[in-house]
C-alpha atoms as a PDB file:
ATOM      1  CA  UNK A   1    -168.028  97.478 -25.408  1.00  0.00           C
ATOM      2  CA  UNK A   2    -169.501  95.113 -27.982  1.00  0.00           C
ATOM      3  CA  UNK A   3    -171.117  91.904 -26.809  1.00  0.00           C
ATOM      4  CA  UNK A   4    -171.407  88.926 -29.129  1.00  0.00           C
ATOM      5  CA  UNK A   5    -174.593  86.935 -29.313  1.00  0.00           C
ATOM      6  CA  UNK A   6    -175.012  83.238 -30.021  1.00  0.00           C
ATOM      7  CA  UNK A   7    -175.677  83.903 -33.721  1.00  0.00           C
ATOM      8  CA  UNK A   8    -172.793  86.329 -34.257  1.00  0.00           C
ATOM      9  CA  UNK A   9    -169.961  85.221 -36.501  1.00  0.00           C
ATOM     10  CA  UNK A  10    -166.431  86.524 -36.067  1.00  0.00           C
ATOM     11  CA  UNK A  11    -164.612  87.058 -39.359  1.00  0.00           C
ATOM     12  CA  UNK A  12    -161.351  88.787 -38.538  1.00  0.00           C
ATOM     13  CA  UNK A  13    -160.119  88.892 -42.146  1.00  0.00           C
ATOM     14  CA  UNK A  14    -163.482  88.930 -43.843  1.00  0.00           C
ATOM     15  CA  UNK A  15    -165.120  85.854 -45.307  1.00  0.00           C
ATOM     16  CA  UNK A  16    -163.391  85.774 -48.726  1.00  0.00           C
ATOM     17  CA  UNK A  17    -159.884  86.070 -47.309  1.00  0.00           C
ATOM     18  CA  UNK A  18    -160.537  83.486 -44.589  1.00  0.00           C
ATOM     19  CA  UNK A  19    -162.017  81.056 -47.112  1.00  0.00           C
ATOM     20  CA  UNK A  20    -158.967  81.482 -49.350  1.00  0.00           C
ATOM     21  CA  UNK A  21    -156.641  80.881 -46.424  1.00  0.00           C
ATOM     22  CA  UNK A  22    -158.516  77.730 -45.379  1.00  0.00           C
ATOM     23  CA  UNK A  23    -158.526  76.515 -48.993  1.00  0.00           C
ATOM     24  CA  UNK A  24    -154.766  76.987 -49.264  1.00  0.00           C
ATOM     25  CA  UNK A  25    -154.170  75.123 -45.996  1.00  0.00           C
ATOM     26  CA  UNK A  26    -156.368  72.238 -47.180  1.00  0.00           C
ATOM     27  CA  UNK A  27    -154.586  72.169 -50.535  1.00  0.00           C
ATOM     28  CA  UNK A  28    -151.211  72.128 -48.812  1.00  0.00           C
ATOM     29  CA  UNK A  29    -152.276  69.217 -46.594  1.00  0.00           C
ATOM     30  CA  UNK A  30    -153.578  67.224 -49.567  1.00  0.00           C
ATOM     31  CA  UNK A  31    -150.415  67.801 -51.566  1.00  0.00           C
ATOM     32  CA  UNK A  32    -148.057  66.869 -48.741  1.00  0.00           C
ATOM     33  CA  UNK A  33    -148.735  63.131 -49.012  1.00  0.00           C
ATOM     34  CA  UNK A  34    -148.487  63.045 -52.802  1.00  0.00           C
ATOM     35  CA  UNK A  35    -145.371  65.225 -52.788  1.00  0.00           C
ATOM     36  CA  UNK A  36    -143.506  62.731 -50.633  1.00  0.00           C
ATOM     37  CA  UNK A  37    -143.677  60.251 -53.527  1.00  0.00           C
ATOM     38  CA  UNK A  38    -142.378  62.614 -56.243  1.00  0.00           C
ATOM     39  CA  UNK A  39    -138.786  62.928 -57.463  1.00  0.00           C
ATOM     40  CA  UNK A  40    -137.064  66.153 -56.284  1.00  0.00           C
ATOM     41  CA  UNK A  41    -137.159  67.959 -59.663  1.00  0.00           C
ATOM     42  CA  UNK A  42    -140.844  67.168 -60.128  1.00  0.00           C
ATOM     43  CA  UNK A  43    -141.513  68.296 -56.580  1.00  0.00           C
ATOM     44  CA  UNK A  44    -139.783  71.628 -57.274  1.00  0.00           C
ATOM     45  CA  UNK A  45    -141.861  72.145 -60.418  1.00  0.00           C
ATOM     46  CA  UNK A  46    -145.101  71.411 -58.559  1.00  0.00           C
ATOM     47  CA  UNK A  47    -144.075  73.689 -55.687  1.00  0.00           C
ATOM     48  CA  UNK A  48    -143.443  76.508 -58.165  1.00  0.00           C
ATOM     49  CA  UNK A  49    -146.812  75.937 -59.824  1.00  0.00           C
ATOM     50  CA  UNK A  50    -148.599  75.832 -56.457  1.00  0.00           C
ATOM     51  CA  UNK A  51    -146.864  79.037 -55.390  1.00  0.00           C
ATOM     52  CA  UNK A  52    -147.982  80.834 -58.562  1.00  0.00           C
ATOM     53  CA  UNK A  53    -151.549  79.537 -58.182  1.00  0.00           C
ATOM     54  CA  UNK A  54    -151.659  80.665 -54.540  1.00  0.00           C
ATOM     55  CA  UNK A  55    -150.528  84.153 -55.541  1.00  0.00           C
ATOM     56  CA  UNK A  56    -153.298  84.301 -58.150  1.00  0.00           C
ATOM     57  CA  UNK A  57    -155.897  83.173 -55.588  1.00  0.00           C
ATOM     58  CA  UNK A  58    -154.776  85.714 -53.013  1.00  0.00           C
ATOM     59  CA  UNK A  59    -154.564  88.580 -55.525  1.00  0.00           C
END
């Protein structure tokens, strides 16, 4: 059995993947407020752009 010490860091997905995931969650939270003020067609265009950017980041 492995015991963790005080200085051990748990990275279940590895640091790069976890950082990308946290970045995407932060980006989503920041965009949510601004998106509420956009017209529906503009919102759809931004959502499509964000989706494509997220796929590039995760690739």
